[in-house]
Amino acid sequence: MMVDWPSPAKLNLFLYINGRRPDGYHDLQTLFQFLNYGDTLNFALRTDEKIILLTPISGVPDEQNLIIRAARMLQQFSGCHVGADISINKVLPMGGGLGGGSSNAATVLVALNHLWKCGLTTEQLCKIGLTLGADVPVFIYGHAAFAEGVGEKLQLAQPKEKWYLVAHPGVHIPTPFIFNDPDLVRNTPKRTLTTLLDSPFLNDCEPIARKRFPEVEQLISWLLEYAPSRLTGTGACVFSEFDTQAAAVDVLKQAPEWLHGFVAQGVNTSPLQAVLSRQE
């Protein structure tokens, strides 16, 4: 039986930039939570070592595709001589700040580690994942987490599992565009998780996104009329938080035609972990 392996979206419930490192990356503090919504991947094992993506993603060549790169890196790291045909049902927008590509890579590593019987630990998978992207380890980790450093230092967290209206403004914001902006705040003081959870949640990238992209400004301004709303990651997606599903759906029903979004619940245990637990 073909198993659907979830590749969930994430939200950055807050994001603070504490400084710029000598290597050009930024030190940050952020709170990751998953959504019960995202892409889905399927895997069929091959007797040769080929990795074939049956559903190519437009505009993304194989050598840049995180799905294929993750599978090949797992082969190299584990010494596995099995391949896979991989298909993906892609619903998460690219460049949306929902972690779609990183989540895809994590699902590949977790699923194929199980299916190929590689026997790698979560820590080993996270080590591979970090070479693919700073957000990949949190998806492998599989639990809501407070992240520091470039996002690789993870601490278990239990934020409230609220309902969210997640909306895309229709623009693509490359992460380097935000991090290279001279007006980006890079000196927010580091604070403990306890202090941050008791403070208003903010995103240091949001002022840049709102100033440089009128579509983001328009979207946040509209959503703020109904609920606390902010940018996730470096954007472009924006989310509004609600205590109930009904309240979130009600606002989505009132949305203007230019607003494209969905309603999902924040979950502290990744849907990927739930499937993996059933397989083991």
C-alpha atoms as a PDB file:
ATOM      1  CA  MET A   1       0.000   0.000   0.000  1.00  0.00           C
ATOM      2  CA  MET A   2       1.310   3.444  -0.958  1.00  0.00           C
ATOM      3  CA  VAL A   3       1.797   5.609   2.127  1.00  0.00           C
ATOM      4  CA  ASP A   4       1.233   9.371   1.998  1.00  0.00           C
ATOM      5  CA  TRP A   5       4.150  11.060   3.751  1.00  0.00           C
ATOM      6  CA  PRO A   6       3.181  14.575   4.879  1.00  0.00           C
ATOM      7  CA  SER A   7       5.435  17.545   4.298  1.00  0.00           C
ATOM      8  CA  PRO A   8       3.797  20.139   6.537  1.00  0.00           C
ATOM      9  CA  ALA A   9       4.045  23.904   6.477  1.00  0.00           C
ATOM     10  CA  LYS A  10       5.567  25.796   9.375  1.00  0.00           C
ATOM     11  CA  LEU A  11       5.005  29.217  10.839  1.00  0.00           C
ATOM     12  CA  ASN A  12       7.540  31.418  12.570  1.00  0.00           C
ATOM     13  CA  LEU A  13       5.361  32.613  15.450  1.00  0.00           C
ATOM     14  CA  PHE A  14       8.060  35.195  16.159  1.00  0.00           C
ATOM     15  CA  LEU A  15      11.406  35.998  14.533  1.00  0.00           C
ATOM     16  CA  TYR A  16      14.134  38.223  15.974  1.00  0.00           C
ATOM     17  CA  ILE A  17      17.521  38.958  14.388  1.00  0.00           C
ATOM     18  CA  ASN A  18      20.267  39.324  16.977  1.00  0.00           C
ATOM     19  CA  GLY A  19      23.308  39.999  14.826  1.00  0.00           C
ATOM     20  CA  ARG A  20      25.246  39.281  11.670  1.00  0.00           C
ATOM     21  CA  ARG A  21      27.917  36.583  11.695  1.00  0.00           C
ATOM     22  CA  PRO A  22      31.325  36.736   9.972  1.00  0.00           C
ATOM     23  CA  ASP A  23      30.116  34.130   7.446  1.00  0.00           C
ATOM     24  CA  GLY A  24      27.285  36.445   6.362  1.00  0.00           C
ATOM     25  CA  TYR A  25      24.516  34.477   8.047  1.00  0.00           C
ATOM     26  CA  HIS A  26      22.438  35.981  10.846  1.00  0.00           C
ATOM     27  CA  ASP A  27      22.012  34.934  14.456  1.00  0.00           C
ATOM     28  CA  LEU A  28      18.320  34.747  15.228  1.00  0.00           C
ATOM     29  CA  GLN A  29      15.717  33.606  17.722  1.00  0.00           C
ATOM     30  CA  THR A  30      12.508  32.135  16.353  1.00  0.00           C
ATOM     31  CA  LEU A  31       9.613  29.943  17.413  1.00  0.00           C
ATOM     32  CA  PHE A  32       8.598  27.238  14.931  1.00  0.00           C
ATOM     33  CA  GLN A  33       5.186  25.601  14.921  1.00  0.00           C
ATOM     34  CA  PHE A  34       3.816  23.203  12.290  1.00  0.00           C
ATOM     35  CA  LEU A  35       0.488  23.364  10.490  1.00  0.00           C
ATOM     36  CA  ASN A  36      -1.800  20.406   9.809  1.00  0.00           C
ATOM     37  CA  TYR A  37      -1.555  21.405   6.148  1.00  0.00           C
ATOM     38  CA  GLY A  38       1.120  20.953   3.496  1.00  0.00           C
ATOM     39  CA  ASP A  39       2.538  18.970   0.608  1.00  0.00           C
ATOM     40  CA  THR A  40       2.378  15.178   0.327  1.00  0.00           C
ATOM     41  CA  LEU A  41       5.111  12.865  -0.952  1.00  0.00           C
ATOM     42  CA  ASN A  42       5.010   9.244  -2.108  1.00  0.00           C
ATOM     43  CA  PHE A  43       7.915   6.866  -2.584  1.00  0.00           C
ATOM     44  CA  ALA A  44       8.341   3.693  -4.629  1.00  0.00           C
ATOM     45  CA  LEU A  45      11.635   1.867  -4.073  1.00  0.00           C
ATOM     46  CA  ARG A  46      13.908   1.020  -7.003  1.00  0.00           C
ATOM     47  CA  THR A  47      16.442  -1.801  -7.215  1.00  0.00           C
ATOM     48  CA  ASP A  48      18.978   0.513  -8.837  1.00  0.00           C
ATOM     49  CA  GLU A  49      20.374   3.674  -7.251  1.00  0.00           C
ATOM     50  CA  LYS A  50      18.454   6.144  -9.398  1.00  0.00           C
ATOM     51  CA  ILE A  51      16.484   8.963  -7.783  1.00  0.00           C
ATOM     52  CA  ILE A  52      13.667  10.020 -10.098  1.00  0.00           C
ATOM     53  CA  LEU A  53      11.162  12.773  -9.358  1.00  0.00           C
ATOM     54  CA  LEU A  54       8.024  11.761 -11.229  1.00  0.00           C
ATOM     55  CA  THR A  55       6.410  15.168 -10.706  1.00  0.00           C
ATOM     56  CA  PRO A  56       9.042  17.787 -11.633  1.00  0.00           C
ATOM     57  CA  ILE A  57       8.552  21.254 -10.200  1.00  0.00           C
ATOM     58  CA  SER A  58       8.413  23.904 -12.914  1.00  0.00           C
ATOM     59  CA  GLY A  59      11.462  26.145 -13.003  1.00  0.00           C
ATOM     60  CA  VAL A  60      13.488  23.988 -10.588  1.00  0.00           C
ATOM     61  CA  PRO A  61      16.173  21.852 -12.280  1.00  0.00           C
ATOM     62  CA  ASP A  62      16.971  18.481 -10.706  1.00  0.00           C
ATOM     63  CA  GLU A  63      20.394  19.522  -9.428  1.00  0.00           C
ATOM     64  CA  GLN A  64      18.759  22.363  -7.447  1.00  0.00           C
ATOM     65  CA  ASN A  65      15.702  20.418  -6.287  1.00  0.00           C
ATOM     66  CA  LEU A  66      15.896  19.793  -2.542  1.00  0.00           C
ATOM     67  CA  ILE A  67      13.899  16.561  -2.889  1.00  0.00           C
ATOM     68  CA  ILE A  68      16.487  14.980  -5.184  1.00  0.00           C
ATOM     69  CA  ARG A  69      19.452  16.500  -3.331  1.00  0.00           C
ATOM     70  CA  ALA A  70      18.183  15.162   0.009  1.00  0.00           C
ATOM     71  CA  ALA A  71      17.751  11.634  -1.359  1.00  0.00           C
ATOM     72  CA  ARG A  72      21.217  11.619  -2.922  1.00  0.00           C
ATOM     73  CA  MET A  73      22.835  12.946   0.240  1.00  0.00           C
ATOM     74  CA  LEU A  74      21.146  10.231   2.280  1.00  0.00           C
ATOM     75  CA  GLN A  75      22.523   7.631  -0.135  1.00  0.00           C
ATOM     76  CA  GLN A  76      26.031   9.062   0.197  1.00  0.00           C
ATOM     77  CA  PHE A  77      25.914   9.430   3.980  1.00  0.00           C
ATOM     78  CA  SER A  78      24.433   5.983   4.664  1.00  0.00           C
ATOM     79  CA  GLY A  79      26.075   3.996   1.883  1.00  0.00           C
ATOM     80  CA  CYS A  80      22.637   2.862   0.705  1.00  0.00           C
ATOM     81  CA  HIS A  81      22.480   1.326  -2.781  1.00  0.00           C
ATOM     82  CA  VAL A  82      18.716   1.540  -3.299  1.00  0.00           C
ATOM     83  CA  GLY A  83      16.896   4.210  -5.301  1.00  0.00           C
ATOM     84  CA  ALA A  84      13.405   5.674  -5.357  1.00  0.00           C
ATOM     85  CA  ASP A  85      10.704   7.063  -7.606  1.00  0.00           C
ATOM     86  CA  ILE A  86       9.307  10.099  -5.810  1.00  0.00           C
ATOM     87  CA  SER A  87       6.106  12.020  -6.464  1.00  0.00           C
ATOM     88  CA  ILE A  88       4.836  15.134  -4.735  1.00  0.00           C
ATOM     89  CA  ASN A  89       1.468  16.823  -4.492  1.00  0.00           C
ATOM     90  CA  LYS A  90       2.635  20.424  -4.146  1.00  0.00           C
ATOM     91  CA  VAL A  91       0.193  22.819  -2.455  1.00  0.00           C
ATOM     92  CA  LEU A  92       2.548  25.109  -0.527  1.00  0.00           C
ATOM     93  CA  PRO A  93       3.610  28.250  -2.427  1.00  0.00           C
ATOM     94  CA  MET A  94       7.289  28.629  -3.233  1.00  0.00           C
ATOM     95  CA  GLY A  95       8.945  31.599  -1.562  1.00  0.00           C
ATOM     96  CA  GLY A  96       6.060  31.905   0.868  1.00  0.00           C
ATOM     97  CA  GLY A  97       7.942  31.614   4.147  1.00  0.00           C
ATOM     98  CA  LEU A  98       6.095  28.393   5.009  1.00  0.00           C
ATOM     99  CA  GLY A  99       9.190  26.227   4.686  1.00  0.00           C
ATOM    100  CA  GLY A 100       7.927  24.171   1.752  1.00  0.00           C
ATOM    101  CA  GLY A 101      11.290  23.249   0.234  1.00  0.00           C
ATOM    102  CA  SER A 102      12.895  22.572   3.618  1.00  0.00           C
ATOM    103  CA  SER A 103       9.914  20.485   4.672  1.00  0.00           C
ATOM    104  CA  ASN A 104      10.114  18.484   1.417  1.00  0.00           C
ATOM    105  CA  ALA A 105      13.794  17.735   2.068  1.00  0.00           C
ATOM    106  CA  ALA A 106      13.074  16.671   5.656  1.00  0.00           C
ATOM    107  CA  THR A 107      10.256  14.353   4.592  1.00  0.00           C
ATOM    108  CA  VAL A 108      12.550  12.726   2.032  1.00  0.00           C
ATOM    109  CA  LEU A 109      15.259  12.152   4.653  1.00  0.00           C
ATOM    110  CA  VAL A 110      12.869  10.810   7.299  1.00  0.00           C
ATOM    111  CA  ALA A 111      10.814   8.635   4.937  1.00  0.00           C
ATOM    112  CA  LEU A 112      13.718   7.149   2.968  1.00  0.00           C
ATOM    113  CA  ASN A 113      15.751   6.550   6.132  1.00  0.00           C
ATOM    114  CA  HIS A 114      12.817   4.360   7.198  1.00  0.00           C
ATOM    115  CA  LEU A 115      12.030   2.794   3.816  1.00  0.00           C
ATOM    116  CA  TRP A 116      15.679   2.126   2.897  1.00  0.00           C
ATOM    117  CA  LYS A 117      16.359   0.865   6.451  1.00  0.00           C
ATOM    118  CA  CYS A 118      19.401   3.143   6.745  1.00  0.00           C
ATOM    119  CA  GLY A 119      19.169   3.211  10.547  1.00  0.00           C
ATOM    120  CA  LEU A 120      20.357   6.819  10.918  1.00  0.00           C
ATOM    121  CA  THR A 121      19.456   8.675  14.105  1.00  0.00           C
ATOM    122  CA  THR A 122      17.461  11.913  14.196  1.00  0.00           C
ATOM    123  CA  GLU A 123      20.701  13.726  15.020  1.00  0.00           C
ATOM    124  CA  GLN A 124      22.434  12.273  11.966  1.00  0.00           C
ATOM    125  CA  LEU A 125      19.512  13.191   9.731  1.00  0.00           C
ATOM    126  CA  CYS A 126      19.548  16.737  11.140  1.00  0.00           C
ATOM    127  CA  LYS A 127      23.253  16.989  10.324  1.00  0.00           C
ATOM    128  CA  ILE A 128      22.505  16.095   6.694  1.00  0.00           C
ATOM    129  CA  GLY A 129      19.483  18.400   6.676  1.00  0.00           C
ATOM    130  CA  LEU A 130      21.435  21.418   7.888  1.00  0.00           C
ATOM    131  CA  THR A 131      23.667  21.227   4.796  1.00  0.00           C
ATOM    132  CA  LEU A 132      20.496  21.586   2.680  1.00  0.00           C
ATOM    133  CA  GLY A 133      18.982  24.511   4.579  1.00  0.00           C
ATOM    134  CA  ALA A 134      18.804  26.089   8.022  1.00  0.00           C
ATOM    135  CA  ASP A 135      15.118  25.184   8.467  1.00  0.00           C
ATOM    136  CA  VAL A 136      15.440  21.501   7.504  1.00  0.00           C
ATOM    137  CA  PRO A 137      16.456  20.214  10.993  1.00  0.00           C
ATOM    138  CA  VAL A 138      13.296  21.496  12.691  1.00  0.00           C
ATOM    139  CA  PHE A 139      11.143  19.513  10.261  1.00  0.00           C
ATOM    140  CA  ILE A 140      13.230  16.389  10.973  1.00  0.00           C
ATOM    141  CA  TYR A 141      13.094  17.095  14.720  1.00  0.00           C
ATOM    142  CA  GLY A 142       9.318  16.989  14.383  1.00  0.00           C
ATOM    143  CA  HIS A 143       8.282  19.091  17.361  1.00  0.00           C
ATOM    144  CA  ALA A 144       7.521  22.773  17.818  1.00  0.00           C
ATOM    145  CA  ALA A 145      10.804  24.367  18.753  1.00  0.00           C
ATOM    146  CA  PHE A 146      12.548  27.514  19.862  1.00  0.00           C
ATOM    147  CA  ALA A 147      15.496  27.940  17.508  1.00  0.00           C
ATOM    148  CA  GLU A 148      18.686  29.971  17.924  1.00  0.00           C
ATOM    149  CA  GLY A 149      21.932  30.373  15.979  1.00  0.00           C
ATOM    150  CA  VAL A 150      21.066  30.213  12.283  1.00  0.00           C
ATOM    151  CA  GLY A 151      18.104  28.055  13.274  1.00  0.00           C
ATOM    152  CA  GLU A 152      19.995  24.867  14.048  1.00  0.00           C
ATOM    153  CA  LYS A 153      20.009  25.070  17.884  1.00  0.00           C
ATOM    154  CA  LEU A 154      16.625  23.651  18.827  1.00  0.00           C
ATOM    155  CA  GLN A 155      14.808  23.583  22.153  1.00  0.00           C
ATOM    156  CA  LEU A 156      11.451  21.845  22.616  1.00  0.00           C
ATOM    157  CA  ALA A 157       8.566  24.328  22.934  1.00  0.00           C
ATOM    158  CA  GLN A 158       4.849  24.039  23.554  1.00  0.00           C
ATOM    159  CA  PRO A 159       3.112  27.154  22.166  1.00  0.00           C
ATOM    160  CA  LYS A 160      -0.669  27.235  22.129  1.00  0.00           C
ATOM    161  CA  GLU A 161      -2.143  25.294  19.205  1.00  0.00           C
ATOM    162  CA  LYS A 162      -4.223  28.074  17.694  1.00  0.00           C
ATOM    163  CA  TRP A 163      -6.058  28.255  14.383  1.00  0.00           C
ATOM    164  CA  TYR A 164      -4.593  30.351  11.594  1.00  0.00           C
ATOM    165  CA  LEU A 165      -5.734  32.019   8.426  1.00  0.00           C
ATOM    166  CA  VAL A 166      -2.655  31.884   6.203  1.00  0.00           C
ATOM    167  CA  ALA A 167      -2.670  34.140   3.152  1.00  0.00           C
ATOM    168  CA  HIS A 168      -0.285  34.662   0.237  1.00  0.00           C
ATOM    169  CA  PRO A 169       0.022  38.172  -1.275  1.00  0.00           C
ATOM    170  CA  GLY A 170       0.907  36.833  -4.718  1.00  0.00           C
ATOM    171  CA  VAL A 171       4.537  37.918  -4.687  1.00  0.00           C
ATOM    172  CA  HIS A 172       7.736  35.906  -4.277  1.00  0.00           C
ATOM    173  CA  ILE A 173      10.220  37.210  -1.708  1.00  0.00           C
ATOM    174  CA  PRO A 174      13.671  35.615  -1.959  1.00  0.00           C
ATOM    175  CA  THR A 175      15.158  35.236   1.528  1.00  0.00           C
ATOM    176  CA  PRO A 176      18.438  37.014   0.577  1.00  0.00           C
ATOM    177  CA  PHE A 177      16.400  40.059  -0.511  1.00  0.00           C
ATOM    178  CA  ILE A 178      15.259  40.575   3.096  1.00  0.00           C
ATOM    179  CA  PHE A 179      18.520  39.659   4.819  1.00  0.00           C
ATOM    180  CA  ASN A 180      20.592  41.895   2.537  1.00  0.00           C
ATOM    181  CA  ASP A 181      18.380  44.946   3.012  1.00  0.00           C
ATOM    182  CA  PRO A 182      20.398  47.727   4.682  1.00  0.00           C
ATOM    183  CA  ASP A 183      17.388  48.796   6.752  1.00  0.00           C
ATOM    184  CA  LEU A 184      16.878  45.371   8.362  1.00  0.00           C
ATOM    185  CA  VAL A 185      17.053  45.447  12.168  1.00  0.00           C
ATOM    186  CA  ARG A 186      19.967  43.217  13.172  1.00  0.00           C
ATOM    187  CA  ASN A 187      20.517  44.063  16.828  1.00  0.00           C
ATOM    188  CA  THR A 188      17.452  42.820  18.711  1.00  0.00           C
ATOM    189  CA  PRO A 189      18.723  41.725  22.150  1.00  0.00           C
ATOM    190  CA  LYS A 190      18.704  38.006  22.873  1.00  0.00           C
ATOM    191  CA  ARG A 191      16.120  36.943  25.443  1.00  0.00           C
ATOM    192  CA  THR A 192      15.163  33.703  27.138  1.00  0.00           C
ATOM    193  CA  LEU A 193      12.286  31.636  25.767  1.00  0.00           C
ATOM    194  CA  THR A 194      10.273  32.323  28.921  1.00  0.00           C
ATOM    195  CA  THR A 195      10.666  36.074  28.423  1.00  0.00           C
ATOM    196  CA  LEU A 196       9.819  35.848  24.718  1.00  0.00           C
ATOM    197  CA  LEU A 197       6.666  33.791  25.331  1.00  0.00           C
ATOM    198  CA  ASP A 198       5.450  36.477  27.752  1.00  0.00           C
ATOM    199  CA  SER A 199       6.143  39.291  25.261  1.00  0.00           C
ATOM    200  CA  PRO A 200       4.179  40.364  22.178  1.00  0.00           C
ATOM    201  CA  PHE A 201       5.201  38.208  19.193  1.00  0.00           C
ATOM    202  CA  LEU A 202       6.917  40.195  16.415  1.00  0.00           C
ATOM    203  CA  ASN A 203       8.951  39.545  13.253  1.00  0.00           C
ATOM    204  CA  ASP A 204      11.983  41.734  12.555  1.00  0.00           C
ATOM    205  CA  CYS A 205      11.670  40.987   8.816  1.00  0.00           C
ATOM    206  CA  GLU A 206       8.116  42.307   8.585  1.00  0.00           C
ATOM    207  CA  PRO A 207       8.871  46.068   8.325  1.00  0.00           C
ATOM    208  CA  ILE A 208      11.145  45.419   5.333  1.00  0.00           C
ATOM    209  CA  ALA A 209       8.608  43.201   3.581  1.00  0.00           C
ATOM    210  CA  ARG A 210       5.829  45.736   4.156  1.00  0.00           C
ATOM    211  CA  LYS A 211       7.966  48.639   2.922  1.00  0.00           C
ATOM    212  CA  ARG A 212       9.368  46.918  -0.169  1.00  0.00           C
ATOM    213  CA  PHE A 213       6.254  44.985  -1.231  1.00  0.00           C
ATOM    214  CA  PRO A 214       2.950  46.912  -1.382  1.00  0.00           C
ATOM    215  CA  GLU A 215       1.061  43.600  -1.706  1.00  0.00           C
ATOM    216  CA  VAL A 216       2.334  42.490   1.714  1.00  0.00           C
ATOM    217  CA  GLU A 217       1.406  45.847   3.245  1.00  0.00           C
ATOM    218  CA  GLN A 218      -2.099  45.628   1.776  1.00  0.00           C
ATOM    219  CA  LEU A 219      -2.573  42.064   3.028  1.00  0.00           C
ATOM    220  CA  ILE A 220      -1.392  42.689   6.583  1.00  0.00           C
ATOM    221  CA  SER A 221      -3.404  45.898   6.830  1.00  0.00           C
ATOM    222  CA  TRP A 222      -6.594  44.071   5.825  1.00  0.00           C
ATOM    223  CA  LEU A 223      -6.044  41.114   8.166  1.00  0.00           C
ATOM    224  CA  LEU A 224      -5.191  43.339  11.145  1.00  0.00           C
ATOM    225  CA  GLU A 225      -8.766  44.602  11.045  1.00  0.00           C
ATOM    226  CA  TYR A 226      -9.857  41.148  12.223  1.00  0.00           C
ATOM    227  CA  ALA A 227      -7.073  39.527  14.267  1.00  0.00           C
ATOM    228  CA  PRO A 228      -3.413  39.718  15.299  1.00  0.00           C
ATOM    229  CA  SER A 229      -1.514  39.194  12.042  1.00  0.00           C
ATOM    230  CA  ARG A 230       2.137  39.120  10.982  1.00  0.00           C
ATOM    231  CA  LEU A 231       4.644  37.866   8.467  1.00  0.00           C
ATOM    232  CA  THR A 232       6.027  34.326   8.721  1.00  0.00           C
ATOM    233  CA  GLY A 233       9.755  33.914   8.164  1.00  0.00           C
ATOM    234  CA  THR A 234      10.984  36.314   5.504  1.00  0.00           C
ATOM    235  CA  GLY A 235       7.584  36.129   3.794  1.00  0.00           C
ATOM    236  CA  ALA A 236       5.706  36.445   1.637  1.00  0.00           C
ATOM    237  CA  CYS A 237       2.908  34.660   3.533  1.00  0.00           C
ATOM    238  CA  VAL A 238       1.059  36.347   6.366  1.00  0.00           C
ATOM    239  CA  PHE A 239      -0.954  34.650   9.096  1.00  0.00           C
ATOM    240  CA  SER A 240      -3.728  35.725  11.438  1.00  0.00           C
ATOM    241  CA  GLU A 241      -4.349  33.854  14.679  1.00  0.00           C
ATOM    242  CA  PHE A 242      -7.710  32.745  16.053  1.00  0.00           C
ATOM    243  CA  ASP A 243      -8.928  30.672  18.973  1.00  0.00           C
ATOM    244  CA  THR A 244     -11.346  28.623  16.858  1.00  0.00           C
ATOM    245  CA  GLN A 245     -11.544  27.194  13.367  1.00  0.00           C
ATOM    246  CA  ALA A 246     -14.943  28.802  12.857  1.00  0.00           C
ATOM    247  CA  ALA A 247     -13.585  32.291  13.554  1.00  0.00           C
ATOM    248  CA  ALA A 248     -10.754  31.845  11.040  1.00  0.00           C
ATOM    249  CA  VAL A 249     -13.091  30.458   8.362  1.00  0.00           C
ATOM    250  CA  ASP A 250     -15.514  33.327   8.927  1.00  0.00           C
ATOM    251  CA  VAL A 251     -12.816  35.928   8.164  1.00  0.00           C
ATOM    252  CA  LEU A 252     -11.643  33.988   5.103  1.00  0.00           C
ATOM    253  CA  LYS A 253     -15.208  34.033   3.782  1.00  0.00           C
ATOM    254  CA  GLN A 254     -15.197  37.842   4.044  1.00  0.00           C
ATOM    255  CA  ALA A 255     -11.868  38.198   2.267  1.00  0.00           C
ATOM    256  CA  PRO A 256     -11.643  40.260  -0.931  1.00  0.00           C
ATOM    257  CA  GLU A 257     -11.098  38.407  -4.203  1.00  0.00           C
ATOM    258  CA  TRP A 258      -7.392  39.279  -4.319  1.00  0.00           C
ATOM    259  CA  LEU A 259      -6.726  37.463  -1.028  1.00  0.00           C
ATOM    260  CA  HIS A 260      -5.748  33.813  -1.485  1.00  0.00           C
ATOM    261  CA  GLY A 261      -5.501  31.767   1.681  1.00  0.00           C
ATOM    262  CA  PHE A 262      -6.366  28.713   3.709  1.00  0.00           C
ATOM    263  CA  VAL A 263      -7.250  27.853   7.300  1.00  0.00           C
ATOM    264  CA  ALA A 264      -5.167  25.368   9.303  1.00  0.00           C
ATOM    265  CA  GLN A 265      -4.396  24.534  12.908  1.00  0.00           C
ATOM    266  CA  GLY A 266      -1.010  24.977  14.513  1.00  0.00           C
ATOM    267  CA  VAL A 267       0.268  21.656  15.864  1.00  0.00           C
ATOM    268  CA  ASN A 268       3.256  21.029  18.122  1.00  0.00           C
ATOM    269  CA  THR A 269       3.868  17.493  16.851  1.00  0.00           C
ATOM    270  CA  SER A 270       4.585  17.312  13.136  1.00  0.00           C
ATOM    271  CA  PRO A 271       2.144  15.282  10.997  1.00  0.00           C
ATOM    272  CA  LEU A 272       5.298  13.653   9.572  1.00  0.00           C
ATOM    273  CA  GLN A 273       6.168  12.257  12.992  1.00  0.00           C
ATOM    274  CA  ALA A 274       2.666  10.876  13.383  1.00  0.00           C
ATOM    275  CA  VAL A 275       2.983   8.882  10.135  1.00  0.00           C
ATOM    276  CA  LEU A 276       6.488   7.693  11.003  1.00  0.00           C
ATOM    277  CA  SER A 277       5.274   6.435  14.391  1.00  0.00           C
ATOM    278  CA  ARG A 278       2.564   4.363  12.680  1.00  0.00           C
ATOM    279  CA  GLN A 279       5.138   2.833  10.321  1.00  0.00           C
ATOM    280  CA  GLU A 280       7.562   1.745  13.028  1.00  0.00           C
END
